[in-house]
Amino acid sequence: MNPVFVQIPVDIPAPVKRPKYDRAALRRGIIHDSVASFHRAHQAWCPHRLLQAGRAQDWANIGAGVRALGTGDAAPVTHENFRQWVIEDDFCRGRPDWDRVGATYSDDVHGHETRKLRLLHACHQFLTNAAKLLGLQTLAQTMLHHPLRSFFRKNPQTEIAPLVKPVPGMKPQTYTVPVERRISNPTTRDTVRRVVFDGNSRHLDFVLPTIRDARTTSAPTAGLAMAETIWSRMCLGHREDGSRTVQKDPMWKRLKAIAQSNELTPLAWLKMDDIYRDLVDWPDFAAAFETAHRKNPRRRRRCRFEL
């Protein structure tokens, strides 16, 4: 087994603090499958703080692989060309200078999080539900489907962004630009199967809060209703070409049964009280859902994403 990697890149800006401990003297204690960015940015911070305090000398992190060194990898893991660190601007012993390397200090971290959930994660649901019907495998492929890309560009701008509270630095409408760039990146190969899993909790957390805000402000919901209709259509278990989809959703049997009932009674889908609660009683949204359902009945071979 190779020794702990101790080289520190020479291009790190001077303000960035270096480790106080001797990395070459550490002993391996944590094995991680590769040395992924998520692990290094999150879990690795805990042992690093212990090492800085002179403790846990036998808990060095190492990345393990299943191939011999020097073996070419035909499918390497590629990270996104996007970084954003938002940190609550509340420190007990003075603010560190992390902003010099790109961090954003904010008094409204939840505002940043809400923007991400309602624009990035909600759009993930719109796109992957439709992608399942279309037989697409990755998120990037959805941006190559012209009707779906047009729907993506219009719906967040007209129905979601106006209801997202602005935070300093970037308007919600502008935030959709890096969202599209991230989704369109073919090298990350983010799979439809991963994003579409556990759809009920994802719609409940990422999509429905915007619909509830729209109800409060009487804002339009045609696109949001279309998104929920496409989700119900996906849960029928058939792609546009007639082939069956295999789902591993924990609620799949229930969702499929209700989707089938929805074909006969369009509002059956909205009557899932644990998900939609009282939205079925909002006439504007119920009407928008029925309209979207008429555009996309089961017998129709091609989904219609236009608003």
C-alpha atoms as a PDB file:
ATOM      1  CA  MET A   1       0.000   0.000   0.000  1.00  0.00           C
ATOM      2  CA  ASN A   2       1.340   3.437  -0.897  1.00  0.00           C
ATOM      3  CA  PRO A   3       2.177   5.987   1.817  1.00  0.00           C
ATOM      4  CA  VAL A   4      -0.131   8.822   2.791  1.00  0.00           C
ATOM      5  CA  PHE A   5      -0.028  11.508   0.092  1.00  0.00           C
ATOM      6  CA  VAL A   6       1.619  14.561   1.654  1.00  0.00           C
ATOM      7  CA  GLN A   7       2.169  16.964  -1.235  1.00  0.00           C
ATOM      8  CA  ILE A   8       0.533  20.379  -0.864  1.00  0.00           C
ATOM      9  CA  PRO A   9      -0.259  22.199  -4.147  1.00  0.00           C
ATOM     10  CA  VAL A  10       2.004  25.185  -4.661  1.00  0.00           C
ATOM     11  CA  ASP A  11      -0.719  27.402  -6.157  1.00  0.00           C
ATOM     12  CA  ILE A  12      -2.780  27.750  -2.951  1.00  0.00           C
ATOM     13  CA  PRO A  13      -3.199  31.484  -2.174  1.00  0.00           C
ATOM     14  CA  ALA A  14      -1.109  32.763   0.730  1.00  0.00           C
ATOM     15  CA  PRO A  15      -4.111  33.603   3.009  1.00  0.00           C
ATOM     16  CA  VAL A  16      -5.208  29.942   3.010  1.00  0.00           C
ATOM     17  CA  LYS A  17      -4.074  28.156   6.148  1.00  0.00           C
ATOM     18  CA  ARG A  18      -1.907  25.040   5.865  1.00  0.00           C
ATOM     19  CA  PRO A  19      -2.146  22.007   8.176  1.00  0.00           C
ATOM     20  CA  LYS A  20      -0.240  22.353  11.431  1.00  0.00           C
ATOM     21  CA  TYR A  21       0.448  18.626  11.624  1.00  0.00           C
ATOM     22  CA  ASP A  22       3.018  16.540   9.785  1.00  0.00           C
ATOM     23  CA  ARG A  23       0.981  14.641   7.213  1.00  0.00           C
ATOM     24  CA  ALA A  24       3.838  12.222   6.517  1.00  0.00           C
ATOM     25  CA  ALA A  25       3.739  11.086  10.156  1.00  0.00           C
ATOM     26  CA  LEU A  26       0.046  10.171  10.124  1.00  0.00           C
ATOM     27  CA  ARG A  27      -1.251   6.611  10.141  1.00  0.00           C
ATOM     28  CA  ARG A  28      -4.165   5.470   8.014  1.00  0.00           C
ATOM     29  CA  GLY A  29      -7.497   5.174   9.819  1.00  0.00           C
ATOM     30  CA  ILE A  30     -10.274   6.023   7.319  1.00  0.00           C
ATOM     31  CA  ILE A  31     -10.585   4.379   3.919  1.00  0.00           C
ATOM     32  CA  HIS A  32     -12.778   6.101   1.357  1.00  0.00           C
ATOM     33  CA  ASP A  33     -13.829   4.773  -2.033  1.00  0.00           C
ATOM     34  CA  SER A  34     -11.757   7.189  -4.132  1.00  0.00           C
ATOM     35  CA  VAL A  35     -11.119  10.660  -2.739  1.00  0.00           C
ATOM     36  CA  ALA A  36     -14.353  12.291  -3.793  1.00  0.00           C
ATOM     37  CA  SER A  37     -14.966  16.026  -3.482  1.00  0.00           C
ATOM     38  CA  PHE A  38     -18.044  15.594  -1.275  1.00  0.00           C
ATOM     39  CA  HIS A  39     -16.076  13.542   1.247  1.00  0.00           C
ATOM     40  CA  ARG A  40     -13.119  15.919   1.287  1.00  0.00           C
ATOM     41  CA  ALA A  41     -15.384  18.944   1.738  1.00  0.00           C
ATOM     42  CA  HIS A  42     -17.554  17.452   4.489  1.00  0.00           C
ATOM     43  CA  GLN A  43     -16.530  14.317   6.362  1.00  0.00           C
ATOM     44  CA  ALA A  44     -12.778  14.994   6.142  1.00  0.00           C
ATOM     45  CA  TRP A  45     -13.239  18.264   8.015  1.00  0.00           C
ATOM     46  CA  CYS A  46     -13.892  16.400  11.289  1.00  0.00           C
ATOM     47  CA  PRO A  47     -10.607  14.443  11.505  1.00  0.00           C
ATOM     48  CA  HIS A  48      -8.759  17.509  10.185  1.00  0.00           C
ATOM     49  CA  ARG A  49      -9.897  19.542  13.182  1.00  0.00           C
ATOM     50  CA  LEU A  50      -8.776  16.780  15.540  1.00  0.00           C
ATOM     51  CA  LEU A  51      -5.397  16.602  13.823  1.00  0.00           C
ATOM     52  CA  GLN A  52      -5.004  20.363  14.090  1.00  0.00           C
ATOM     53  CA  ALA A  53      -5.461  19.958  17.855  1.00  0.00           C
ATOM     54  CA  GLY A  54      -2.738  17.285  18.001  1.00  0.00           C
ATOM     55  CA  ARG A  55      -5.141  14.366  18.302  1.00  0.00           C
ATOM     56  CA  ALA A  56      -6.261  11.416  16.121  1.00  0.00           C
ATOM     57  CA  GLN A  57      -2.822  10.867  14.567  1.00  0.00           C
ATOM     58  CA  ASP A  58      -3.949   7.397  13.456  1.00  0.00           C
ATOM     59  CA  TRP A  59      -7.012   8.622  11.557  1.00  0.00           C
ATOM     60  CA  ALA A  60      -5.549   9.800   8.264  1.00  0.00           C
ATOM     61  CA  ASN A  61      -7.857   9.610   5.229  1.00  0.00           C
ATOM     62  CA  ILE A  62      -6.834   7.510   2.245  1.00  0.00           C
ATOM     63  CA  GLY A  63      -8.578   6.867  -1.055  1.00  0.00           C
ATOM     64  CA  ALA A  64      -8.882   3.237  -2.113  1.00  0.00           C
ATOM     65  CA  GLY A  65      -9.445   1.910  -5.618  1.00  0.00           C
ATOM     66  CA  VAL A  66     -10.082  -1.508  -7.154  1.00  0.00           C
ATOM     67  CA  ARG A  67      -7.586  -1.078  -9.993  1.00  0.00           C
ATOM     68  CA  ALA A  68      -3.812  -1.161  -9.996  1.00  0.00           C
ATOM     69  CA  LEU A  69      -1.975   2.139 -10.140  1.00  0.00           C
ATOM     70  CA  GLY A  70      -1.402   3.306 -13.696  1.00  0.00           C
ATOM     71  CA  THR A  71      -4.545   1.646 -15.026  1.00  0.00           C
ATOM     72  CA  GLY A  72      -6.482   3.874 -17.417  1.00  0.00           C
ATOM     73  CA  ASP A  73     -10.053   4.690 -16.395  1.00  0.00           C
ATOM     74  CA  ALA A  74     -12.499   4.784 -19.292  1.00  0.00           C
ATOM     75  CA  ALA A  75     -15.211   6.389 -17.146  1.00  0.00           C
ATOM     76  CA  PRO A  76     -13.577   8.767 -14.666  1.00  0.00           C
ATOM     77  CA  VAL A  77     -15.665  10.654 -12.135  1.00  0.00           C
ATOM     78  CA  THR A  78     -15.898  14.290 -13.234  1.00  0.00           C
ATOM     79  CA  HIS A  79     -16.870  17.071 -10.871  1.00  0.00           C
ATOM     80  CA  GLU A  80     -19.119  19.995 -11.752  1.00  0.00           C
ATOM     81  CA  ASN A  81     -17.543  23.242 -12.842  1.00  0.00           C
ATOM     82  CA  PHE A  82     -19.481  25.006 -10.092  1.00  0.00           C
ATOM     83  CA  ARG A  83     -18.636  25.939  -6.517  1.00  0.00           C
ATOM     84  CA  GLN A  84     -20.670  27.883  -3.990  1.00  0.00           C
ATOM     85  CA  TRP A  85     -20.105  28.119  -0.255  1.00  0.00           C
ATOM     86  CA  VAL A  86     -22.681  30.136   1.701  1.00  0.00           C
ATOM     87  CA  ILE A  87     -21.796  30.607   5.373  1.00  0.00           C
ATOM     88  CA  GLU A  88     -23.884  32.253   8.078  1.00  0.00           C
ATOM     89  CA  ASP A  89     -22.272  35.564   8.987  1.00  0.00           C
ATOM     90  CA  ASP A  90     -22.267  34.965  12.733  1.00  0.00           C
ATOM     91  CA  PHE A  91     -18.934  34.155  14.425  1.00  0.00           C
ATOM     92  CA  CYS A  92     -18.086  34.267  18.105  1.00  0.00           C
ATOM     93  CA  ARG A  93     -14.373  35.109  17.668  1.00  0.00           C
ATOM     94  CA  GLY A  94     -14.195  37.228  14.547  1.00  0.00           C
ATOM     95  CA  ARG A  95     -14.960  36.418  10.942  1.00  0.00           C
ATOM     96  CA  PRO A  96     -12.387  34.218   9.127  1.00  0.00           C
ATOM     97  CA  ASP A  97     -11.237  35.357   5.693  1.00  0.00           C
ATOM     98  CA  TRP A  98     -12.784  32.497   3.751  1.00  0.00           C
ATOM     99  CA  ASP A  99     -14.390  35.006   1.410  1.00  0.00           C
ATOM    100  CA  ARG A 100     -10.923  35.515  -0.101  1.00  0.00           C
ATOM    101  CA  VAL A 101     -11.185  32.049  -1.634  1.00  0.00           C
ATOM    102  CA  GLY A 102     -14.780  32.332  -2.812  1.00  0.00           C
ATOM    103  CA  ALA A 103     -17.045  31.831   0.219  1.00  0.00           C
ATOM    104  CA  THR A 104     -20.160  33.993   0.578  1.00  0.00           C
ATOM    105  CA  TYR A 105     -21.129  35.350   3.990  1.00  0.00           C
ATOM    106  CA  SER A 106     -24.834  35.884   4.468  1.00  0.00           C
ATOM    107  CA  ASP A 107     -27.386  36.774   7.132  1.00  0.00           C
ATOM    108  CA  ASP A 108     -29.906  34.709   5.176  1.00  0.00           C
ATOM    109  CA  VAL A 109     -28.449  31.255   4.561  1.00  0.00           C
ATOM    110  CA  HIS A 110     -31.969  29.825   4.409  1.00  0.00           C
ATOM    111  CA  GLY A 111     -32.771  32.217   1.576  1.00  0.00           C
ATOM    112  CA  HIS A 112     -29.870  30.798  -0.448  1.00  0.00           C
ATOM    113  CA  GLU A 113     -30.988  27.268   0.377  1.00  0.00           C
ATOM    114  CA  THR A 114     -34.594  27.980  -0.623  1.00  0.00           C
ATOM    115  CA  ARG A 115     -33.453  29.401  -3.957  1.00  0.00           C
ATOM    116  CA  LYS A 116     -31.475  26.237  -4.636  1.00  0.00           C
ATOM    117  CA  LEU A 117     -34.273  23.883  -3.610  1.00  0.00           C
ATOM    118  CA  ARG A 118     -37.004  25.632  -5.569  1.00  0.00           C
ATOM    119  CA  LEU A 119     -35.037  26.290  -8.731  1.00  0.00           C
ATOM    120  CA  LEU A 120     -32.341  23.613  -9.054  1.00  0.00           C
ATOM    121  CA  HIS A 121     -33.954  20.669  -7.238  1.00  0.00           C
ATOM    122  CA  ALA A 122     -37.489  21.409  -8.415  1.00  0.00           C
ATOM    123  CA  CYS A 123     -36.280  21.592 -12.018  1.00  0.00           C
ATOM    124  CA  HIS A 124     -34.545  18.264 -11.486  1.00  0.00           C
ATOM    125  CA  GLN A 125     -37.965  16.758 -10.799  1.00  0.00           C
ATOM    126  CA  PHE A 126     -39.620  18.344 -13.835  1.00  0.00           C
ATOM    127  CA  LEU A 127     -36.888  17.102 -16.122  1.00  0.00           C
ATOM    128  CA  THR A 128     -36.361  13.592 -14.785  1.00  0.00           C
ATOM    129  CA  ASN A 129     -40.059  12.728 -14.618  1.00  0.00           C
ATOM    130  CA  ALA A 130     -40.324  13.667 -18.283  1.00  0.00           C
ATOM    131  CA  ALA A 131     -37.021  11.942 -19.042  1.00  0.00           C
ATOM    132  CA  LYS A 132     -38.422   8.662 -17.719  1.00  0.00           C
ATOM    133  CA  LEU A 133     -41.259   8.915 -20.224  1.00  0.00           C
ATOM    134  CA  LEU A 134     -38.887   9.792 -23.038  1.00  0.00           C
ATOM    135  CA  GLY A 135     -36.419   7.012 -22.239  1.00  0.00           C
ATOM    136  CA  LEU A 136     -33.545   9.392 -21.482  1.00  0.00           C
ATOM    137  CA  GLN A 137     -30.782   8.227 -19.157  1.00  0.00           C
ATOM    138  CA  THR A 138     -29.027  11.384 -17.928  1.00  0.00           C
ATOM    139  CA  LEU A 139     -29.974  14.932 -16.971  1.00  0.00           C
ATOM    140  CA  ALA A 140     -27.757  16.364 -19.688  1.00  0.00           C
ATOM    141  CA  GLN A 141     -29.790  14.520 -22.316  1.00  0.00           C
ATOM    142  CA  THR A 142     -32.912  16.429 -21.258  1.00  0.00           C
ATOM    143  CA  MET A 143     -31.289  19.669 -22.420  1.00  0.00           C
ATOM    144  CA  LEU A 144     -30.909  18.174 -25.905  1.00  0.00           C
ATOM    145  CA  HIS A 145     -34.670  17.561 -26.138  1.00  0.00           C
ATOM    146  CA  HIS A 146     -35.997  20.804 -27.624  1.00  0.00           C
ATOM    147  CA  PRO A 147     -39.594  20.833 -26.220  1.00  0.00           C
ATOM    148  CA  LEU A 148     -38.350  19.848 -22.780  1.00  0.00           C
ATOM    149  CA  ARG A 149     -35.579  22.443 -22.826  1.00  0.00           C
ATOM    150  CA  SER A 150     -38.082  25.121 -23.848  1.00  0.00           C
ATOM    151  CA  PHE A 151     -40.371  24.118 -20.986  1.00  0.00           C
ATOM    152  CA  PHE A 152     -37.438  24.259 -18.575  1.00  0.00           C
ATOM    153  CA  ARG A 153     -36.431  27.745 -19.717  1.00  0.00           C
ATOM    154  CA  LYS A 154     -39.940  29.169 -19.478  1.00  0.00           C
ATOM    155  CA  ASN A 155     -41.464  27.618 -16.358  1.00  0.00           C
ATOM    156  CA  PRO A 156     -38.844  28.596 -13.728  1.00  0.00           C
ATOM    157  CA  GLN A 157     -38.676  32.130 -15.088  1.00  0.00           C
ATOM    158  CA  THR A 158     -42.415  32.752 -15.150  1.00  0.00           C
ATOM    159  CA  GLU A 159     -43.768  30.754 -12.205  1.00  0.00           C
ATOM    160  CA  ILE A 160     -40.984  29.879  -9.755  1.00  0.00           C
ATOM    161  CA  ALA A 161     -38.410  32.683  -9.745  1.00  0.00           C
ATOM    162  CA  PRO A 162     -40.982  35.466  -9.116  1.00  0.00           C
ATOM    163  CA  LEU A 163     -41.962  33.680  -5.874  1.00  0.00           C
ATOM    164  CA  VAL A 164     -38.406  33.118  -4.624  1.00  0.00           C
ATOM    165  CA  LYS A 165     -37.096  35.691  -2.174  1.00  0.00           C
ATOM    166  CA  PRO A 166     -34.049  37.479  -3.668  1.00  0.00           C
ATOM    167  CA  VAL A 167     -30.716  37.214  -1.868  1.00  0.00           C
ATOM    168  CA  PRO A 168     -27.752  39.555  -2.395  1.00  0.00           C
ATOM    169  CA  GLY A 169     -25.493  38.731  -5.288  1.00  0.00           C
ATOM    170  CA  MET A 170     -27.858  37.123  -7.795  1.00  0.00           C
ATOM    171  CA  LYS A 171     -31.534  37.503  -8.670  1.00  0.00           C
ATOM    172  CA  PRO A 172     -33.632  34.301  -8.808  1.00  0.00           C
ATOM    173  CA  GLN A 173     -34.205  34.837 -12.554  1.00  0.00           C
ATOM    174  CA  THR A 174     -30.441  35.038 -13.100  1.00  0.00           C
ATOM    175  CA  TYR A 175     -29.827  31.931 -10.981  1.00  0.00           C
ATOM    176  CA  THR A 176     -31.534  29.810 -13.650  1.00  0.00           C
ATOM    177  CA  VAL A 177     -28.542  30.430 -15.973  1.00  0.00           C
ATOM    178  CA  PRO A 178     -25.980  28.475 -13.881  1.00  0.00           C
ATOM    179  CA  VAL A 179     -28.709  25.913 -13.159  1.00  0.00           C
ATOM    180  CA  GLU A 180     -29.082  25.223 -16.882  1.00  0.00           C
ATOM    181  CA  ARG A 181     -25.311  25.127 -17.326  1.00  0.00           C
ATOM    182  CA  ARG A 182     -24.955  22.579 -14.524  1.00  0.00           C
ATOM    183  CA  ILE A 183     -27.751  20.380 -15.843  1.00  0.00           C
ATOM    184  CA  SER A 184     -26.379  20.540 -19.397  1.00  0.00           C
ATOM    185  CA  ASN A 185     -22.893  19.324 -18.420  1.00  0.00           C
ATOM    186  CA  PRO A 186     -22.582  15.876 -20.071  1.00  0.00           C
ATOM    187  CA  THR A 187     -19.385  14.905 -18.235  1.00  0.00           C
ATOM    188  CA  THR A 188     -21.026  14.574 -14.802  1.00  0.00           C
ATOM    189  CA  ARG A 189     -23.453  11.921 -16.099  1.00  0.00           C
ATOM    190  CA  ASP A 190     -25.991  12.573 -13.360  1.00  0.00           C
ATOM    191  CA  THR A 191     -28.546   9.825 -13.910  1.00  0.00           C
ATOM    192  CA  VAL A 192     -32.292  10.158 -14.251  1.00  0.00           C
ATOM    193  CA  ARG A 193     -32.692   7.036 -12.117  1.00  0.00           C
ATOM    194  CA  ARG A 194     -30.966   8.696  -9.154  1.00  0.00           C
ATOM    195  CA  VAL A 195     -32.866  11.974  -9.289  1.00  0.00           C
ATOM    196  CA  VAL A 196     -36.301  10.492  -9.885  1.00  0.00           C
ATOM    197  CA  PHE A 197     -36.079   8.166  -6.860  1.00  0.00           C
ATOM    198  CA  ASP A 198     -38.458   8.882  -3.937  1.00  0.00           C
ATOM    199  CA  GLY A 199     -40.476  11.351  -5.987  1.00  0.00           C
ATOM    200  CA  ASN A 200     -43.176  11.946  -3.399  1.00  0.00           C
ATOM    201  CA  SER A 201     -40.772  13.428  -0.836  1.00  0.00           C
ATOM    202  CA  ARG A 202     -38.930  15.425  -3.494  1.00  0.00           C
ATOM    203  CA  HIS A 203     -42.098  16.973  -4.917  1.00  0.00           C
ATOM    204  CA  LEU A 204     -43.320  17.622  -1.393  1.00  0.00           C
ATOM    205  CA  ASP A 205     -40.140  19.494  -0.437  1.00  0.00           C
ATOM    206  CA  PHE A 206     -39.046  21.102  -3.717  1.00  0.00           C
ATOM    207  CA  VAL A 207     -42.147  21.792  -5.845  1.00  0.00           C
ATOM    208  CA  LEU A 208     -45.245  22.092  -3.685  1.00  0.00           C
ATOM    209  CA  PRO A 209     -43.984  24.983  -1.497  1.00  0.00           C
ATOM    210  CA  THR A 210     -43.938  27.161  -4.624  1.00  0.00           C
ATOM    211  CA  ILE A 211     -47.479  26.102  -5.501  1.00  0.00           C
ATOM    212  CA  ARG A 212     -48.618  27.038  -2.002  1.00  0.00           C
ATOM    213  CA  ASP A 213     -46.974  30.445  -2.331  1.00  0.00           C
ATOM    214  CA  ALA A 214     -48.709  30.848  -5.691  1.00  0.00           C
ATOM    215  CA  ARG A 215     -52.024  30.182  -3.996  1.00  0.00           C
ATOM    216  CA  THR A 216     -51.326  32.940  -1.464  1.00  0.00           C
ATOM    217  CA  THR A 217     -50.470  35.451  -4.192  1.00  0.00           C
ATOM    218  CA  SER A 218     -52.881  34.184  -6.895  1.00  0.00           C
ATOM    219  CA  ALA A 219     -49.897  33.592  -9.192  1.00  0.00           C
ATOM    220  CA  PRO A 220     -50.136  31.393 -12.318  1.00  0.00           C
ATOM    221  CA  THR A 221     -49.463  27.647 -11.999  1.00  0.00           C
ATOM    222  CA  ALA A 222     -49.967  26.179 -15.487  1.00  0.00           C
ATOM    223  CA  GLY A 223     -46.353  25.000 -15.712  1.00  0.00           C
ATOM    224  CA  LEU A 224     -46.289  23.663 -12.166  1.00  0.00           C
ATOM    225  CA  ALA A 225     -49.526  21.795 -12.825  1.00  0.00           C
ATOM    226  CA  MET A 226     -47.975  20.386 -16.005  1.00  0.00           C
ATOM    227  CA  ALA A 227     -45.009  19.165 -13.963  1.00  0.00           C
ATOM    228  CA  GLU A 228     -47.291  17.348 -11.521  1.00  0.00           C
ATOM    229  CA  THR A 229     -49.249  15.858 -14.411  1.00  0.00           C
ATOM    230  CA  ILE A 230     -46.066  14.530 -16.008  1.00  0.00           C
ATOM    231  CA  TRP A 231     -45.132  12.964 -12.661  1.00  0.00           C
ATOM    232  CA  SER A 232     -48.512  11.186 -12.523  1.00  0.00           C
ATOM    233  CA  ARG A 233     -48.109  10.084 -16.142  1.00  0.00           C
ATOM    234  CA  MET A 234     -44.644   8.681 -15.370  1.00  0.00           C
ATOM    235  CA  CYS A 235     -46.090   6.701 -12.468  1.00  0.00           C
ATOM    236  CA  LEU A 236     -48.281   4.755 -14.890  1.00  0.00           C
ATOM    237  CA  GLY A 237     -45.128   2.758 -15.565  1.00  0.00           C
ATOM    238  CA  HIS A 238     -44.890   3.086 -19.365  1.00  0.00           C
ATOM    239  CA  ARG A 239     -42.613   5.122 -21.603  1.00  0.00           C
ATOM    240  CA  GLU A 240     -43.798   6.894 -24.731  1.00  0.00           C
ATOM    241  CA  ASP A 241     -42.604   3.978 -26.864  1.00  0.00           C
ATOM    242  CA  GLY A 242     -44.805   1.588 -24.891  1.00  0.00           C
ATOM    243  CA  SER A 243     -42.005  -0.128 -22.949  1.00  0.00           C
ATOM    244  CA  ARG A 244     -42.335  -0.493 -19.206  1.00  0.00           C
ATOM    245  CA  THR A 245     -40.329   1.450 -16.674  1.00  0.00           C
ATOM    246  CA  VAL A 246     -38.914  -0.277 -13.614  1.00  0.00           C
ATOM    247  CA  GLN A 247     -39.025   1.882 -10.501  1.00  0.00           C
ATOM    248  CA  LYS A 248     -37.486   1.333  -7.079  1.00  0.00           C
ATOM    249  CA  ASP A 249     -39.460   4.100  -5.433  1.00  0.00           C
ATOM    250  CA  PRO A 250     -40.535   3.161  -1.885  1.00  0.00           C
ATOM    251  CA  MET A 251     -44.107   4.262  -2.710  1.00  0.00           C
ATOM    252  CA  TRP A 252     -44.188   2.924  -6.253  1.00  0.00           C
ATOM    253  CA  LYS A 253     -47.119   0.514  -5.892  1.00  0.00           C
ATOM    254  CA  ARG A 254     -49.330   3.165  -4.340  1.00  0.00           C
ATOM    255  CA  LEU A 255     -48.318   5.862  -6.830  1.00  0.00           C
ATOM    256  CA  LYS A 256     -48.937   3.561  -9.777  1.00  0.00           C
ATOM    257  CA  ALA A 257     -52.392   2.599  -8.520  1.00  0.00           C
ATOM    258  CA  ILE A 258     -53.395   6.232  -8.001  1.00  0.00           C
ATOM    259  CA  ALA A 259     -51.972   7.206 -11.379  1.00  0.00           C
ATOM    260  CA  GLN A 260     -54.191   4.586 -12.986  1.00  0.00           C
ATOM    261  CA  SER A 261     -57.222   5.958 -11.118  1.00  0.00           C
ATOM    262  CA  ASN A 262     -56.209   9.433 -12.249  1.00  0.00           C
ATOM    263  CA  GLU A 263     -56.762   8.396 -15.867  1.00  0.00           C
ATOM    264  CA  LEU A 264     -60.467   8.003 -15.115  1.00  0.00           C
ATOM    265  CA  THR A 265     -60.797  10.745 -12.492  1.00  0.00           C
ATOM    266  CA  PRO A 266     -58.147  13.437 -13.197  1.00  0.00           C
ATOM    267  CA  LEU A 267     -58.204  14.906  -9.695  1.00  0.00           C
ATOM    268  CA  ALA A 268     -57.557  11.527  -8.023  1.00  0.00           C
ATOM    269  CA  TRP A 269     -53.838  12.334  -8.064  1.00  0.00           C
ATOM    270  CA  LEU A 270     -54.319  15.590  -6.163  1.00  0.00           C
ATOM    271  CA  LYS A 271     -56.384  13.802  -3.524  1.00  0.00           C
ATOM    272  CA  MET A 272     -53.272  12.247  -1.987  1.00  0.00           C
ATOM    273  CA  ASP A 273     -53.736  14.149   1.271  1.00  0.00           C
ATOM    274  CA  ASP A 274     -50.293  13.363   2.683  1.00  0.00           C
ATOM    275  CA  ILE A 275     -48.688  15.038  -0.347  1.00  0.00           C
ATOM    276  CA  TYR A 276     -51.024  17.715  -1.717  1.00  0.00           C
ATOM    277  CA  ARG A 277     -53.127  18.299   1.392  1.00  0.00           C
ATOM    278  CA  ASP A 278     -55.571  21.115   0.584  1.00  0.00           C
ATOM    279  CA  LEU A 279     -54.291  21.999  -2.905  1.00  0.00           C
ATOM    280  CA  VAL A 280     -57.042  19.911  -4.476  1.00  0.00           C
ATOM    281  CA  ASP A 281     -59.470  22.449  -3.005  1.00  0.00           C
ATOM    282  CA  TRP A 282     -57.803  25.359  -4.820  1.00  0.00           C
ATOM    283  CA  PRO A 283     -59.944  25.735  -7.962  1.00  0.00           C
ATOM    284  CA  ASP A 284     -57.262  27.486 -10.046  1.00  0.00           C
ATOM    285  CA  PHE A 285     -54.659  24.788  -9.534  1.00  0.00           C
ATOM    286  CA  ALA A 286     -57.174  21.945  -9.890  1.00  0.00           C
ATOM    287  CA  ALA A 287     -58.311  23.428 -13.206  1.00  0.00           C
ATOM    288  CA  ALA A 288     -54.711  23.851 -14.393  1.00  0.00           C
ATOM    289  CA  PHE A 289     -53.988  20.224 -13.478  1.00  0.00           C
ATOM    290  CA  GLU A 290     -57.032  18.979 -15.392  1.00  0.00           C
ATOM    291  CA  THR A 291     -56.027  21.044 -18.423  1.00  0.00           C
ATOM    292  CA  ALA A 292     -52.521  19.601 -18.384  1.00  0.00           C
ATOM    293  CA  HIS A 293     -53.969  16.108 -17.972  1.00  0.00           C
ATOM    294  CA  ARG A 294     -56.151  16.544 -21.054  1.00  0.00           C
ATOM    295  CA  LYS A 295     -53.031  17.446 -23.045  1.00  0.00           C
ATOM    296  CA  ASN A 296     -51.268  14.297 -21.843  1.00  0.00           C
ATOM    297  CA  PRO A 297     -53.697  11.374 -21.543  1.00  0.00           C
ATOM    298  CA  ARG A 298     -52.347   7.851 -21.413  1.00  0.00           C
ATOM    299  CA  ARG A 299     -53.462   7.098 -24.948  1.00  0.00           C
ATOM    300  CA  ARG A 300     -51.359   9.960 -26.296  1.00  0.00           C
ATOM    301  CA  ARG A 301     -48.002   8.618 -27.449  1.00  0.00           C
ATOM    302  CA  ARG A 302     -46.134  11.944 -27.234  1.00  0.00           C
ATOM    303  CA  CYS A 303     -46.072  14.210 -24.185  1.00  0.00           C
ATOM    304  CA  ARG A 304     -46.864  17.863 -24.721  1.00  0.00           C
ATOM    305  CA  PHE A 305     -44.707  20.210 -22.681  1.00  0.00           C
ATOM    306  CA  GLU A 306     -45.914  23.507 -24.125  1.00  0.00           C
ATOM    307  CA  LEU A 307     -47.718  25.918 -21.784  1.00  0.00           C
END
